C-alpha cells in the first residue's frame, strides 16, 4: 500500500490519534500509515515533541522480520 503526499506533509494534512504517557507521546496518522513515537517536555505550558521516530506502515509491511519483531514485543508486553 503506497501513500504519496506531494504537497503538504502528512502531519499538516491529518489530525492524529494521540496518547501521551509519562515518558512518550504516540501519534498515529492512519491515512498516511505513520506512527510517531516521541519523547516530550513542557515549555511555556505546552508539550513539545523531542527525539521523534516514525514507523512507516509500508516499510514494516514489506519487511516481515520487522513486523514479526514488533508483534512479538507487543505480545510479550501484554
Protein backbone atom coordinates (compact mmCIF):
# COMPACT_ATOMS: atom_id res chain seq x y z
CA UNK A 1 0.00 0.00 0.00
CA UNK A 2 1.66 3.23 -1.15
CA UNK A 3 0.69 6.63 0.16
CA UNK A 4 2.14 9.66 -1.54
CA UNK A 5 1.93 13.17 -0.16
CA UNK A 6 3.18 15.59 -2.80
CA UNK A 7 2.06 18.89 -1.30
CA UNK A 8 1.89 19.41 2.42
CA UNK A 9 3.41 16.99 4.95
CA UNK A 10 1.04 14.38 6.35
CA UNK A 11 1.21 15.89 9.84
CA UNK A 12 -0.27 19.10 8.41
CA UNK A 13 -2.99 17.29 6.44
CA UNK A 14 -4.22 14.84 9.04
CA UNK A 15 -5.14 15.07 12.71
CA UNK A 16 -3.51 12.13 14.51
CA UNK A 17 -4.88 9.84 17.16
CA UNK A 18 -2.66 10.62 20.14
CA UNK A 19 -1.75 9.14 23.51
CA UNK A 20 0.72 10.59 25.99
CA UNK A 21 2.23 8.52 28.78
CA UNK A 22 4.57 9.77 31.48
CA UNK A 23 7.51 9.22 29.13
CA UNK A 24 6.36 9.05 25.49
CA UNK A 25 3.93 10.67 23.07
CA UNK A 26 2.39 8.39 20.41
CA UNK A 27 0.84 9.97 17.31
CA UNK A 28 -0.89 7.71 14.77
CA UNK A 29 -1.74 9.03 11.30
CA UNK A 30 -3.92 6.28 9.77
CA UNK A 31 -4.36 7.82 6.30
CA UNK A 32 -0.61 8.36 5.98
CA UNK A 33 0.27 5.00 7.54
CA UNK A 34 2.65 6.56 10.06
CA UNK A 35 3.19 6.03 13.78
CA UNK A 36 5.35 8.61 15.53
CA UNK A 37 6.97 7.75 18.86
CA UNK A 38 8.50 10.71 20.66
CA UNK A 39 9.78 11.88 24.00
CA UNK A 40 8.44 15.24 25.11
CA UNK A 41 8.92 18.09 27.54
CA UNK A 42 6.92 21.05 28.76
CA UNK A 43 7.85 24.57 27.65
CA UNK A 44 5.78 27.67 28.38
CA UNK A 45 2.82 25.49 29.35
CA UNK A 46 2.88 23.43 26.14
CA UNK A 47 4.19 19.93 25.49
CA UNK A 48 6.93 19.88 22.85
CA UNK A 49 7.94 16.71 20.98
CA UNK A 50 11.59 15.70 21.00
CA UNK A 51 13.53 12.75 19.60
CA UNK A 52 10.77 11.70 17.20
CA UNK A 53 10.95 8.31 15.46
CA UNK A 54 8.43 7.49 12.72
CA UNK A 55 7.40 3.94 11.85
CA UNK A 56 6.11 3.62 8.30
CA UNK A 57 3.34 1.11 7.57
CA UNK A 58 4.55 0.36 4.05
CA UNK A 59 8.12 -0.31 5.20
CA UNK A 60 7.03 -2.56 8.07
CA UNK A 61 4.65 -4.50 5.77
CA UNK A 62 7.42 -5.02 3.19
CA UNK A 63 9.84 -6.43 5.78
CA UNK A 64 8.35 -9.42 7.55
CA UNK A 65 11.22 -9.59 10.07
CA UNK A 66 10.45 -6.08 11.32
CA UNK A 67 6.73 -6.82 11.55
CA UNK A 68 7.38 -10.09 13.40
CA UNK A 69 9.70 -8.36 15.88
CA UNK A 70 7.16 -5.62 16.65
CA UNK A 71 4.34 -8.15 17.09
CA UNK A 72 6.45 -10.40 19.35
CA UNK A 73 7.39 -7.44 21.55
CA UNK A 74 3.77 -6.34 21.89
CA UNK A 75 2.70 -9.89 22.73
CA UNK A 76 5.46 -10.18 25.34
CA UNK A 77 4.45 -6.85 26.93
CA UNK A 78 0.80 -7.84 27.40
